[in-house]
Amino acid sequence: MSFDESPRVVPVSEVDGVVSVLAEAFFDYPVMRYVVGDLEPYEVHLRRLIGYFVAARFMRAETVLGVGPALSLAGIALLSRPGGGVTPPGLALRREALWGDLGHSARVRYERFGTAASTFEFEEPHLHLNMIGVRTEARGSGVGRRLLEAAHRFAVDDPEARGVSLTTEVESNVDLYRHFGYRLIGEATLDGALTSWGMYRPNSRSAVR
């Protein structure tokens, strides 16, 4: 597996590899544990949930960035444009199928998370970093940093975007993202069990060139 390649835009033909990377990277992530809950087998339901997130990016023709060749992706970042249009009919059907598999309780938890995250006020038009993750063996190799910097370049080059937003549910990540120029916008707690921090980084052309 190559860890030193530059990020590239990943085509839909590599969707399985994208899901595989993110399912590994987010296996114990608080949001995934919160939404999936005690459903078993956890790995299967997690992959379905992440599969939906990835499908949403591809079906809306949004940006999927990756590091590594097609058969051995080391890291992935998903970018979207908030308020970017109508949900494609095929995606709506896939969403209903997802909740048919995971059940009503998981859907309610997911919607609670979405409601909490929507309280963060990002006033400027921007891109949103939905997910960024690397395989276990690629951690500490710089893959995540290069993906993050690539996301920043996409925002700088976008004629409408003025920055990048994200949420994190791991408190130690707050200082990490601050190191990359993000500022804390807000904090929300769900059910006393999950805390989400909203962060925003305004574009800075000199910082990404």
N, C-alpha and C. Protein backbone atom coordinates (compact mmCIF):
# COMPACT_ATOMS: atom_id res chain seq x y z
N MET A 1 0.84 -1.19 0.00
CA MET A 1 0.00 0.00 0.00
C MET A 1 0.88 1.24 0.00
N SER A 2 0.55 2.21 -0.88
CA SER A 2 1.36 3.42 -1.01
C SER A 2 0.80 4.53 -0.12
N PHE A 3 1.70 5.14 0.68
CA PHE A 3 1.29 6.21 1.56
C PHE A 3 1.79 7.58 1.10
N ASP A 4 2.61 7.62 0.05
CA ASP A 4 3.26 8.88 -0.31
C ASP A 4 2.70 9.51 -1.58
N GLU A 5 1.60 8.99 -2.10
CA GLU A 5 1.02 9.56 -3.31
C GLU A 5 0.21 10.81 -2.98
N SER A 6 0.04 11.66 -3.98
CA SER A 6 -0.78 12.86 -3.82
C SER A 6 -2.26 12.49 -3.88
N PRO A 7 -3.12 13.23 -3.19
CA PRO A 7 -4.55 12.97 -3.26
C PRO A 7 -5.08 13.14 -4.68
N ARG A 8 -6.08 12.37 -5.01
CA ARG A 8 -6.72 12.44 -6.32
C ARG A 8 -8.23 12.33 -6.14
N VAL A 9 -8.96 12.73 -7.17
CA VAL A 9 -10.41 12.55 -7.17
C VAL A 9 -10.70 11.10 -7.51
N VAL A 10 -11.47 10.45 -6.67
CA VAL A 10 -11.77 9.02 -6.83
C VAL A 10 -13.06 8.86 -7.61
N PRO A 11 -13.07 8.03 -8.67
CA PRO A 11 -14.28 7.82 -9.46
C PRO A 11 -15.23 6.82 -8.79
N VAL A 12 -16.46 6.81 -9.24
CA VAL A 12 -17.48 5.93 -8.66
C VAL A 12 -17.13 4.46 -8.85
N SER A 13 -16.31 4.14 -9.84
CA SER A 13 -15.92 2.74 -10.07
C SER A 13 -15.14 2.17 -8.88
N GLU A 14 -14.62 3.04 -8.01
CA GLU A 14 -13.86 2.60 -6.84
C GLU A 14 -14.67 2.68 -5.55
N VAL A 15 -15.99 2.70 -5.68
CA VAL A 15 -16.85 2.90 -4.52
C VAL A 15 -16.62 1.87 -3.42
N ASP A 16 -16.39 0.61 -3.79
CA ASP A 16 -16.18 -0.43 -2.77
C ASP A 16 -14.93 -0.14 -1.93
N GLY A 17 -13.88 0.32 -2.59
CA GLY A 17 -12.66 0.65 -1.86
C GLY A 17 -12.85 1.83 -0.93
N VAL A 18 -13.64 2.81 -1.37
CA VAL A 18 -13.93 3.98 -0.54
C VAL A 18 -14.65 3.55 0.73
N VAL A 19 -15.69 2.73 0.56
CA VAL A 19 -16.46 2.26 1.72
C VAL A 19 -15.57 1.44 2.65
N SER A 20 -14.71 0.62 2.08
CA SER A 20 -13.83 -0.23 2.89
C SER A 20 -12.91 0.61 3.78
N VAL A 21 -12.31 1.65 3.20
CA VAL A 21 -11.41 2.51 3.98
C VAL A 21 -12.16 3.18 5.12
N LEU A 22 -13.32 3.76 4.82
CA LEU A 22 -14.05 4.50 5.85
C LEU A 22 -14.65 3.59 6.90
N ALA A 23 -15.06 2.38 6.51
CA ALA A 23 -15.59 1.44 7.50
C ALA A 23 -14.51 1.04 8.49
N GLU A 24 -13.28 0.93 8.02
CA GLU A 24 -12.16 0.62 8.92
C GLU A 24 -11.81 1.82 9.79
N ALA A 25 -11.73 2.99 9.16
CA ALA A 25 -11.30 4.19 9.88
C ALA A 25 -12.32 4.63 10.94
N PHE A 26 -13.60 4.40 10.67
CA PHE A 26 -14.66 4.87 11.56
C PHE A 26 -15.28 3.75 12.38
N PHE A 27 -14.60 2.63 12.51
CA PHE A 27 -15.18 1.47 13.18
C PHE A 27 -15.65 1.81 14.59
N ASP A 28 -14.87 2.54 15.34
CA ASP A 28 -15.23 2.88 16.72
C ASP A 28 -15.55 4.36 16.89
N TYR A 29 -15.85 5.03 15.80
CA TYR A 29 -16.13 6.46 15.89
C TYR A 29 -17.44 6.69 16.65
N PRO A 30 -17.49 7.68 17.55
CA PRO A 30 -18.67 7.86 18.39
C PRO A 30 -20.00 7.98 17.65
N VAL A 31 -20.03 8.70 16.52
CA VAL A 31 -21.29 8.84 15.78
C VAL A 31 -21.78 7.49 15.28
N MET A 32 -20.87 6.67 14.76
CA MET A 32 -21.26 5.37 14.22
C MET A 32 -21.79 4.47 15.34
N ARG A 33 -21.11 4.46 16.46
CA ARG A 33 -21.58 3.66 17.60
C ARG A 33 -22.93 4.17 18.09
N TYR A 34 -23.11 5.48 18.08
CA TYR A 34 -24.37 6.08 18.54
C TYR A 34 -25.52 5.70 17.61
N VAL A 35 -25.32 5.84 16.31
CA VAL A 35 -26.40 5.57 15.36
C VAL A 35 -26.71 4.09 15.27
N VAL A 36 -25.70 3.27 15.08
CA VAL A 36 -25.93 1.82 14.93
C VAL A 36 -26.42 1.21 16.24
N GLY A 37 -25.93 1.73 17.36
CA GLY A 37 -26.39 1.22 18.65
C GLY A 37 -25.98 -0.22 18.88
N ASP A 38 -26.91 -1.02 19.38
CA ASP A 38 -26.59 -2.41 19.72
C ASP A 38 -26.99 -3.40 18.63
N LEU A 39 -27.22 -2.89 17.42
CA LEU A 39 -27.57 -3.78 16.31
C LEU A 39 -26.41 -4.72 16.00
N GLU A 40 -26.73 -5.96 15.75
CA GLU A 40 -25.72 -6.96 15.38
C GLU A 40 -26.11 -7.63 14.06
N PRO A 41 -25.11 -8.01 13.25
CA PRO A 41 -23.67 -7.77 13.45
C PRO A 41 -23.31 -6.31 13.17
N TYR A 42 -22.59 -5.72 14.11
CA TYR A 42 -22.25 -4.29 14.02
C TYR A 42 -21.53 -3.97 12.72
N GLU A 43 -20.57 -4.80 12.32
CA GLU A 43 -19.76 -4.51 11.14
C GLU A 43 -20.62 -4.38 9.89
N VAL A 44 -21.63 -5.23 9.77
CA VAL A 44 -22.50 -5.22 8.59
C VAL A 44 -23.32 -3.94 8.55
N HIS A 45 -23.90 -3.57 9.68
CA HIS A 45 -24.73 -2.37 9.73
C HIS A 45 -23.89 -1.11 9.55
N LEU A 46 -22.68 -1.11 10.11
CA LEU A 46 -21.78 0.03 9.93
C LEU A 46 -21.47 0.22 8.45
N ARG A 47 -21.17 -0.85 7.77
CA ARG A 47 -20.82 -0.76 6.35
C ARG A 47 -22.01 -0.24 5.53
N ARG A 48 -23.22 -0.66 5.89
CA ARG A 48 -24.40 -0.16 5.18
C ARG A 48 -24.57 1.34 5.39
N LEU A 49 -24.36 1.78 6.63
CA LEU A 49 -24.50 3.20 6.93
C LEU A 49 -23.46 4.02 6.17
N ILE A 50 -22.22 3.60 6.21
CA ILE A 50 -21.17 4.32 5.50
C ILE A 50 -21.38 4.23 3.99
N GLY A 51 -21.87 3.10 3.53
CA GLY A 51 -22.18 2.95 2.11
C GLY A 51 -23.17 4.00 1.64
N TYR A 52 -24.13 4.31 2.49
CA TYR A 52 -25.10 5.36 2.14
C TYR A 52 -24.43 6.72 2.07
N PHE A 53 -23.58 7.03 3.06
CA PHE A 53 -22.88 8.32 3.05
C PHE A 53 -22.04 8.48 1.77
N VAL A 54 -21.35 7.42 1.39
CA VAL A 54 -20.51 7.46 0.20
C VAL A 54 -21.37 7.59 -1.06
N ALA A 55 -22.47 6.82 -1.12
CA ALA A 55 -23.36 6.90 -2.27
C ALA A 55 -23.92 8.31 -2.45
N ALA A 56 -24.21 8.97 -1.34
CA ALA A 56 -24.74 10.33 -1.42
C ALA A 56 -23.77 11.26 -2.13
N ARG A 57 -22.48 11.12 -1.84
CA ARG A 57 -21.49 11.99 -2.48
C ARG A 57 -21.42 11.70 -3.98
N PHE A 58 -21.37 10.43 -4.34
CA PHE A 58 -21.26 10.09 -5.75
C PHE A 58 -22.53 10.45 -6.51
N MET A 59 -23.69 10.18 -5.94
CA MET A 59 -24.95 10.43 -6.65
C MET A 59 -25.25 11.91 -6.78
N ARG A 60 -24.67 12.72 -5.92
CA ARG A 60 -24.84 14.17 -6.04
C ARG A 60 -23.68 14.81 -6.82
N ALA A 61 -22.81 13.97 -7.38
CA ALA A 61 -21.66 14.45 -8.14
C ALA A 61 -20.79 15.38 -7.30
N GLU A 62 -20.62 15.03 -6.02
CA GLU A 62 -19.75 15.79 -5.13
C GLU A 62 -18.36 15.15 -5.12
N THR A 63 -17.50 15.62 -4.25
CA THR A 63 -16.09 15.26 -4.35
C THR A 63 -15.69 14.17 -3.38
N VAL A 64 -15.04 13.14 -3.92
CA VAL A 64 -14.43 12.08 -3.12
C VAL A 64 -12.94 12.10 -3.42
N LEU A 65 -12.13 12.37 -2.39
CA LEU A 65 -10.68 12.41 -2.54
C LEU A 65 -10.07 11.17 -1.94
N GLY A 66 -9.01 10.67 -2.56
CA GLY A 66 -8.35 9.49 -2.04
C GLY A 66 -6.85 9.54 -2.22
N VAL A 67 -6.15 8.78 -1.41
CA VAL A 67 -4.70 8.59 -1.55
C VAL A 67 -4.46 7.11 -1.76
N GLY A 68 -3.70 6.79 -2.80
CA GLY A 68 -3.40 5.40 -3.10
C GLY A 68 -4.06 4.93 -4.38
N PRO A 69 -3.54 3.85 -4.97
CA PRO A 69 -4.11 3.31 -6.20
C PRO A 69 -5.46 2.65 -5.96
N ALA A 70 -6.14 2.33 -7.04
CA ALA A 70 -7.52 1.85 -6.97
C ALA A 70 -7.70 0.65 -6.05
N LEU A 71 -6.79 -0.29 -6.08
CA LEU A 71 -6.97 -1.53 -5.33
C LEU A 71 -6.39 -1.46 -3.92
N SER A 72 -5.79 -0.33 -3.55
CA SER A 72 -5.21 -0.24 -2.21
C SER A 72 -5.25 1.19 -1.70
N LEU A 73 -6.44 1.75 -1.64
CA LEU A 73 -6.61 3.10 -1.11
C LEU A 73 -6.18 3.15 0.35
N ALA A 74 -5.46 4.19 0.71
CA ALA A 74 -4.97 4.33 2.08
C ALA A 74 -5.79 5.33 2.89
N GLY A 75 -6.43 6.28 2.21
CA GLY A 75 -7.20 7.30 2.92
C GLY A 75 -8.25 7.91 2.01
N ILE A 76 -9.32 8.44 2.63
CA ILE A 76 -10.44 9.00 1.88
C ILE A 76 -10.95 10.25 2.59
N ALA A 77 -11.38 11.23 1.80
CA ALA A 77 -12.08 12.39 2.32
C ALA A 77 -13.31 12.65 1.45
N LEU A 78 -14.44 12.92 2.08
CA LEU A 78 -15.68 13.22 1.38
C LEU A 78 -16.02 14.69 1.56
N LEU A 79 -16.30 15.38 0.46
CA LEU A 79 -16.66 16.80 0.50
C LEU A 79 -18.05 17.00 -0.10
N SER A 80 -18.83 17.88 0.51
CA SER A 80 -20.14 18.20 -0.04
C SER A 80 -20.35 19.71 -0.01
N ARG A 81 -21.41 20.13 -0.71
CA ARG A 81 -21.78 21.54 -0.73
C ARG A 81 -23.11 21.69 0.00
N PRO A 82 -23.12 22.24 1.21
CA PRO A 82 -24.37 22.38 1.96
C PRO A 82 -25.43 23.13 1.14
N GLY A 83 -26.65 22.58 1.16
CA GLY A 83 -27.73 23.18 0.40
C GLY A 83 -27.52 23.05 -1.09
N GLY A 84 -26.83 21.99 -1.49
CA GLY A 84 -26.42 21.86 -2.87
C GLY A 84 -27.43 21.27 -3.83
N GLY A 85 -28.70 21.29 -3.50
CA GLY A 85 -29.68 20.84 -4.47
C GLY A 85 -30.61 19.76 -3.97
N VAL A 86 -31.47 19.30 -4.87
CA VAL A 86 -32.49 18.31 -4.55
C VAL A 86 -31.86 16.92 -4.46
N THR A 87 -32.35 16.11 -3.53
CA THR A 87 -31.87 14.74 -3.38
C THR A 87 -32.29 13.91 -4.59
N PRO A 88 -31.36 13.26 -5.29
CA PRO A 88 -31.72 12.42 -6.43
C PRO A 88 -32.70 11.32 -6.00
N PRO A 89 -33.69 10.98 -6.84
CA PRO A 89 -34.67 9.95 -6.47
C PRO A 89 -34.02 8.63 -6.06
N GLY A 90 -32.97 8.23 -6.75
CA GLY A 90 -32.31 6.98 -6.41
C GLY A 90 -31.70 7.00 -5.03
N LEU A 91 -31.23 8.18 -4.60
CA LEU A 91 -30.64 8.29 -3.27
C LEU A 91 -31.73 8.23 -2.20
N ALA A 92 -32.87 8.84 -2.49
CA ALA A 92 -33.99 8.78 -1.55
C ALA A 92 -34.44 7.34 -1.33
N LEU A 93 -34.48 6.57 -2.40
CA LEU A 93 -34.85 5.15 -2.28
C LEU A 93 -33.81 4.39 -1.47
N ARG A 94 -32.55 4.71 -1.71
CA ARG A 94 -31.49 4.04 -0.96
C ARG A 94 -31.56 4.39 0.52
N ARG A 95 -31.90 5.62 0.82
CA ARG A 95 -32.03 6.04 2.22
C ARG A 95 -33.14 5.26 2.92
N GLU A 96 -34.27 5.11 2.25
CA GLU A 96 -35.37 4.36 2.86
C GLU A 96 -34.99 2.89 3.05
N ALA A 97 -34.24 2.35 2.10
CA ALA A 97 -33.79 0.96 2.25
C ALA A 97 -32.83 0.82 3.43
N LEU A 98 -31.98 1.83 3.62
CA LEU A 98 -31.04 1.82 4.74
C LEU A 98 -31.80 1.74 6.06
N TRP A 99 -32.78 2.61 6.24
CA TRP A 99 -33.51 2.62 7.50
C TRP A 99 -34.42 1.40 7.63
N GLY A 100 -34.78 0.82 6.51
CA GLY A 100 -35.49 -0.45 6.59
C GLY A 100 -34.61 -1.54 7.18
N ASP A 101 -33.31 -1.47 6.88
CA ASP A 101 -32.35 -2.44 7.41
C ASP A 101 -31.97 -2.14 8.86
N LEU A 102 -31.69 -0.86 9.15
CA LEU A 102 -31.19 -0.49 10.48
C LEU A 102 -32.29 -0.27 11.50
N GLY A 103 -33.49 0.04 11.02
CA GLY A 103 -34.62 0.18 11.92
C GLY A 103 -34.92 1.62 12.33
N HIS A 104 -36.11 1.78 12.90
CA HIS A 104 -36.60 3.12 13.26
C HIS A 104 -35.74 3.79 14.33
N SER A 105 -35.30 3.05 15.32
CA SER A 105 -34.52 3.65 16.41
C SER A 105 -33.22 4.23 15.89
N ALA A 106 -32.55 3.52 14.98
CA ALA A 106 -31.31 4.04 14.41
C ALA A 106 -31.59 5.31 13.60
N ARG A 107 -32.70 5.31 12.89
CA ARG A 107 -33.06 6.51 12.11
C ARG A 107 -33.29 7.71 13.03
N VAL A 108 -33.99 7.49 14.12
CA VAL A 108 -34.25 8.57 15.07
C VAL A 108 -32.94 9.11 15.63
N ARG A 109 -32.02 8.22 15.98
CA ARG A 109 -30.73 8.67 16.51
C ARG A 109 -29.96 9.47 15.46
N TYR A 110 -29.99 9.01 14.23
CA TYR A 110 -29.30 9.72 13.16
C TYR A 110 -29.90 11.11 12.95
N GLU A 111 -31.22 11.19 12.98
CA GLU A 111 -31.87 12.48 12.78
C GLU A 111 -31.61 13.42 13.96
N ARG A 112 -31.51 12.88 15.16
CA ARG A 112 -31.15 13.72 16.31
C ARG A 112 -29.76 14.31 16.13
N PHE A 113 -28.85 13.47 15.65
CA PHE A 113 -27.49 13.97 15.40
C PHE A 113 -27.51 15.07 14.35
N GLY A 114 -28.26 14.84 13.26
CA GLY A 114 -28.34 15.84 12.21
C GLY A 114 -28.92 17.15 12.70
N THR A 115 -29.94 17.07 13.56
CA THR A 115 -30.54 18.27 14.12
C THR A 115 -29.55 19.03 14.98
N ALA A 116 -28.80 18.30 15.80
CA ALA A 116 -27.80 18.95 16.66
C ALA A 116 -26.72 19.62 15.83
N ALA A 117 -26.24 18.93 14.80
CA ALA A 117 -25.18 19.49 13.96
C ALA A 117 -25.66 20.71 13.17
N SER A 118 -26.96 20.75 12.87
CA SER A 118 -27.50 21.87 12.09
C SER A 118 -27.55 23.17 12.89
N THR A 119 -27.33 23.09 14.20
CA THR A 119 -27.34 24.31 15.01
C THR A 119 -26.06 25.13 14.84
N PHE A 120 -25.03 24.53 14.26
CA PHE A 120 -23.79 25.27 14.02
C PHE A 120 -24.01 26.23 12.86
N GLU A 121 -23.73 27.50 13.07
CA GLU A 121 -24.03 28.51 12.06
C GLU A 121 -22.79 28.84 11.23
N PHE A 122 -22.83 28.37 10.00
CA PHE A 122 -21.77 28.69 9.03
C PHE A 122 -22.40 29.64 8.01
N GLU A 123 -22.17 30.92 8.17
CA GLU A 123 -22.92 31.91 7.40
C GLU A 123 -22.46 32.00 5.95
N GLU A 124 -21.20 31.78 5.70
CA GLU A 124 -20.67 31.95 4.35
C GLU A 124 -20.92 30.69 3.51
N PRO A 125 -21.05 30.83 2.19
CA PRO A 125 -21.08 29.64 1.33
C PRO A 125 -19.75 28.91 1.45
N HIS A 126 -19.80 27.60 1.58
CA HIS A 126 -18.58 26.85 1.87
C HIS A 126 -18.74 25.39 1.46
N LEU A 127 -17.67 24.63 1.57
CA LEU A 127 -17.70 23.19 1.40
C LEU A 127 -17.69 22.55 2.79
N HIS A 128 -18.29 21.37 2.88
CA HIS A 128 -18.32 20.65 4.16
C HIS A 128 -17.52 19.37 4.04
N LEU A 129 -16.61 19.16 4.97
CA LEU A 129 -15.83 17.92 5.02
C LEU A 129 -16.64 16.90 5.81
N ASN A 130 -17.34 16.03 5.09
CA ASN A 130 -18.24 15.06 5.74
C ASN A 130 -17.48 14.00 6.52
N MET A 131 -16.47 13.43 5.89
CA MET A 131 -15.69 12.37 6.53
C MET A 131 -14.26 12.44 6.01
N ILE A 132 -13.31 12.14 6.88
CA ILE A 132 -11.92 11.98 6.48
C ILE A 132 -11.34 10.86 7.34
N GLY A 133 -10.78 9.85 6.69
CA GLY A 133 -10.27 8.71 7.45
C GLY A 133 -9.19 7.98 6.69
N VAL A 134 -8.31 7.33 7.43
CA VAL A 134 -7.23 6.55 6.83
C VAL A 134 -7.23 5.15 7.42
N ARG A 135 -6.68 4.23 6.67
CA ARG A 135 -6.55 2.86 7.17
C ARG A 135 -5.61 2.83 8.37
N THR A 136 -5.80 1.84 9.22
CA THR A 136 -5.01 1.72 10.44
C THR A 136 -3.52 1.75 10.15
N GLU A 137 -3.09 1.02 9.13
CA GLU A 137 -1.66 0.92 8.84
C GLU A 137 -1.10 2.21 8.25
N ALA A 138 -1.98 3.14 7.83
CA ALA A 138 -1.52 4.40 7.25
C ALA A 138 -1.50 5.55 8.25
N ARG A 139 -1.93 5.29 9.47
CA ARG A 139 -1.96 6.36 10.46
C ARG A 139 -0.55 6.83 10.80
N GLY A 140 -0.38 8.13 10.89
CA GLY A 140 0.92 8.70 11.18
C GLY A 140 1.82 8.85 9.96
N SER A 141 1.28 8.51 8.78
CA SER A 141 2.09 8.57 7.56
C SER A 141 1.95 9.88 6.81
N GLY A 142 1.05 10.75 7.25
CA GLY A 142 0.82 12.01 6.56
C GLY A 142 -0.33 11.97 5.57
N VAL A 143 -0.98 10.82 5.42
CA VAL A 143 -2.09 10.69 4.47
C VAL A 143 -3.24 11.62 4.85
N GLY A 144 -3.60 11.62 6.13
CA GLY A 144 -4.69 12.48 6.57
C GLY A 144 -4.40 13.95 6.35
N ARG A 145 -3.18 14.36 6.63
CA ARG A 145 -2.79 15.76 6.41
C ARG A 145 -2.92 16.14 4.95
N ARG A 146 -2.45 15.27 4.05
CA ARG A 146 -2.51 15.59 2.63
C ARG A 146 -3.95 15.66 2.14
N LEU A 147 -4.80 14.80 2.66
CA LEU A 147 -6.22 14.85 2.28
C LEU A 147 -6.86 16.15 2.77
N LEU A 148 -6.54 16.54 3.99
CA LEU A 148 -7.10 17.77 4.54
C LEU A 148 -6.64 18.98 3.72
N GLU A 149 -5.37 19.01 3.39
CA GLU A 149 -4.85 20.12 2.59
C GLU A 149 -5.47 20.13 1.19
N ALA A 150 -5.74 18.95 0.63
CA ALA A 150 -6.39 18.88 -0.67
C ALA A 150 -7.81 19.44 -0.59
N ALA A 151 -8.51 19.14 0.50
CA ALA A 151 -9.86 19.69 0.70
C ALA A 151 -9.81 21.21 0.76
N HIS A 152 -8.79 21.74 1.42
CA HIS A 152 -8.64 23.20 1.50
C HIS A 152 -8.39 23.79 0.12
N ARG A 153 -7.60 23.11 -0.70
CA ARG A 153 -7.34 23.61 -2.06
C ARG A 153 -8.62 23.61 -2.88
N PHE A 154 -9.44 22.57 -2.73
CA PHE A 154 -10.71 22.54 -3.46
C PHE A 154 -11.56 23.75 -3.10
N ALA A 155 -11.59 24.10 -1.82
CA ALA A 155 -12.39 25.25 -1.41
C ALA A 155 -11.83 26.55 -1.97
N VAL A 156 -10.52 26.69 -1.96
CA VAL A 156 -9.88 27.89 -2.50
C VAL A 156 -10.18 28.03 -3.99
N ASP A 157 -10.15 26.92 -4.72
CA ASP A 157 -10.35 26.96 -6.16
C ASP A 157 -11.82 27.04 -6.55
N ASP A 158 -12.73 26.81 -5.61
CA ASP A 158 -14.16 26.87 -5.88
C ASP A 158 -14.59 28.35 -5.91
N PRO A 159 -15.23 28.80 -6.99
CA PRO A 159 -15.59 30.22 -7.09
C PRO A 159 -16.62 30.67 -6.07
N GLU A 160 -17.35 29.73 -5.48
CA GLU A 160 -18.40 30.10 -4.53
C GLU A 160 -18.00 29.87 -3.07
N ALA A 161 -17.16 28.87 -2.82
CA ALA A 161 -16.83 28.50 -1.43
C ALA A 161 -15.86 29.49 -0.81
N ARG A 162 -16.13 29.84 0.43
CA ARG A 162 -15.24 30.74 1.16
C ARG A 162 -14.50 30.05 2.30
N GLY A 163 -14.70 28.75 2.41
CA GLY A 163 -14.02 28.02 3.47
C GLY A 163 -14.49 26.58 3.53
N VAL A 164 -14.09 25.89 4.59
CA VAL A 164 -14.45 24.48 4.81
C VAL A 164 -14.98 24.34 6.23
N SER A 165 -16.11 23.65 6.36
CA SER A 165 -16.65 23.34 7.69
C SER A 165 -16.50 21.86 7.96
N LEU A 166 -16.57 21.49 9.23
CA LEU A 166 -16.59 20.09 9.62
C LEU A 166 -17.17 19.98 11.02
N THR A 167 -17.54 18.77 11.39
CA THR A 167 -17.87 18.47 12.77
C THR A 167 -16.99 17.30 13.21
N THR A 168 -16.66 17.29 14.48
CA THR A 168 -15.92 16.16 15.04
C THR A 168 -16.55 15.78 16.36
N GLU A 169 -16.52 14.50 16.64
CA GLU A 169 -17.10 13.98 17.88
C GLU A 169 -16.02 13.38 18.79
N VAL A 170 -14.78 13.74 18.50
CA VAL A 170 -13.64 13.34 19.33
C VAL A 170 -12.98 14.62 19.82
N GLU A 171 -13.00 14.85 21.13
CA GLU A 171 -12.56 16.14 21.66
C GLU A 171 -11.11 16.46 21.32
N SER A 172 -10.25 15.44 21.30
CA SER A 172 -8.84 15.69 21.00
C SER A 172 -8.64 16.20 19.57
N ASN A 173 -9.62 15.96 18.69
CA ASN A 173 -9.52 16.44 17.31
C ASN A 173 -9.68 17.96 17.22
N VAL A 174 -10.30 18.56 18.23
CA VAL A 174 -10.54 20.00 18.17
C VAL A 174 -9.21 20.75 18.06
N ASP A 175 -8.26 20.42 18.91
CA ASP A 175 -6.96 21.09 18.84
C ASP A 175 -6.21 20.71 17.56
N LEU A 176 -6.39 19.48 17.10
CA LEU A 176 -5.75 19.06 15.85
C LEU A 176 -6.22 19.94 14.70
N TYR A 177 -7.53 20.13 14.59
CA TYR A 177 -8.05 20.95 13.49
C TYR A 177 -7.70 22.42 13.68
N ARG A 178 -7.61 22.87 14.90
CA ARG A 178 -7.15 24.25 15.13
C ARG A 178 -5.75 24.45 14.54
N HIS A 179 -4.93 23.43 14.65
CA HIS A 179 -3.57 23.51 14.10
C HIS A 179 -3.61 23.76 12.59
N PHE A 180 -4.68 23.28 11.93
CA PHE A 180 -4.81 23.45 10.48
C PHE A 180 -5.64 24.68 10.11
N GLY A 181 -5.89 25.55 11.08
CA GLY A 181 -6.55 26.82 10.78
C GLY A 181 -8.03 26.88 11.04
N TYR A 182 -8.60 25.84 11.63
CA TYR A 182 -10.03 25.85 11.94
C TYR A 182 -10.29 26.58 13.26
N ARG A 183 -11.45 27.19 13.35
CA ARG A 183 -11.87 27.78 14.62
C ARG A 183 -13.16 27.09 15.09
N LEU A 184 -13.34 27.05 16.38
CA LEU A 184 -14.51 26.40 16.96
C LEU A 184 -15.72 27.31 16.81
N ILE A 185 -16.80 26.75 16.23
CA ILE A 185 -18.03 27.50 16.01
C ILE A 185 -19.06 27.23 17.10
N GLY A 186 -19.14 25.98 17.54
CA GLY A 186 -20.13 25.64 18.55
C GLY A 186 -19.97 24.21 19.03
N GLU A 187 -20.78 23.87 20.02
CA GLU A 187 -20.73 22.55 20.64
C GLU A 187 -22.15 22.10 20.96
N ALA A 188 -22.46 20.84 20.72
CA ALA A 188 -23.79 20.30 21.00
C ALA A 188 -23.66 18.92 21.60
N THR A 189 -24.50 18.62 22.59
CA THR A 189 -24.49 17.31 23.24
C THR A 189 -25.83 16.61 23.02
N LEU A 190 -25.76 15.33 22.65
CA LEU A 190 -26.96 14.54 22.38
C LEU A 190 -27.13 13.47 23.45
N ASP A 191 -28.29 13.44 24.04
CA ASP A 191 -28.67 12.37 24.98
C ASP A 191 -27.64 12.18 26.08
N GLY A 192 -26.83 13.19 26.34
CA GLY A 192 -25.81 13.06 27.37
C GLY A 192 -24.72 12.07 27.04
N ALA A 193 -24.72 11.57 25.79
CA ALA A 193 -23.78 10.50 25.45
C ALA A 193 -22.84 10.85 24.30
N LEU A 194 -23.17 11.89 23.54
CA LEU A 194 -22.39 12.21 22.35
C LEU A 194 -22.27 13.73 22.23
N THR A 195 -21.05 14.21 22.11
CA THR A 195 -20.81 15.64 21.94
C THR A 195 -20.22 15.89 20.57
N SER A 196 -20.74 16.91 19.90
CA SER A 196 -20.26 17.27 18.57
C SER A 196 -19.74 18.70 18.59
N TRP A 197 -18.58 18.90 17.99
CA TRP A 197 -17.98 20.23 17.88
C TRP A 197 -18.01 20.66 16.42
N GLY A 198 -18.57 21.84 16.15
CA GLY A 198 -18.58 22.38 14.80
C GLY A 198 -17.41 23.32 14.61
N MET A 199 -16.71 23.19 13.48
CA MET A 199 -15.51 23.98 13.23
C MET A 199 -15.53 24.52 11.80
N TYR A 200 -14.82 25.64 11.61
CA TYR A 200 -14.81 26.29 10.30
C TYR A 200 -13.43 26.87 10.02
N ARG A 201 -13.01 26.71 8.77
CA ARG A 201 -11.72 27.26 8.33
C ARG A 201 -11.96 28.15 7.12
N PRO A 202 -11.79 29.47 7.25
CA PRO A 202 -11.91 30.34 6.08
C PRO A 202 -10.77 30.08 5.11
N ASN A 203 -11.05 30.30 3.84
CA ASN A 203 -10.01 30.09 2.83
C ASN A 203 -8.80 30.97 3.08
N SER A 204 -7.64 30.40 2.83
CA SER A 204 -6.38 31.13 2.90
C SER A 204 -5.50 30.59 1.80
N ARG A 205 -5.46 31.30 0.68
CA ARG A 205 -4.74 30.79 -0.49
C ARG A 205 -3.27 30.53 -0.20
N SER A 206 -2.64 31.38 0.58
CA SER A 206 -1.21 31.22 0.84
C SER A 206 -0.93 29.98 1.67
N ALA A 207 -1.94 29.50 2.43
CA ALA A 207 -1.72 28.37 3.32
C ALA A 207 -1.81 27.04 2.61
N VAL A 208 -2.32 27.03 1.38
CA VAL A 208 -2.52 25.74 0.70
C VAL A 208 -1.73 25.64 -0.59
N ARG A 209 -0.96 26.61 -0.92
CA ARG A 209 -0.16 26.56 -2.15
C ARG A 209 1.27 26.16 -1.85
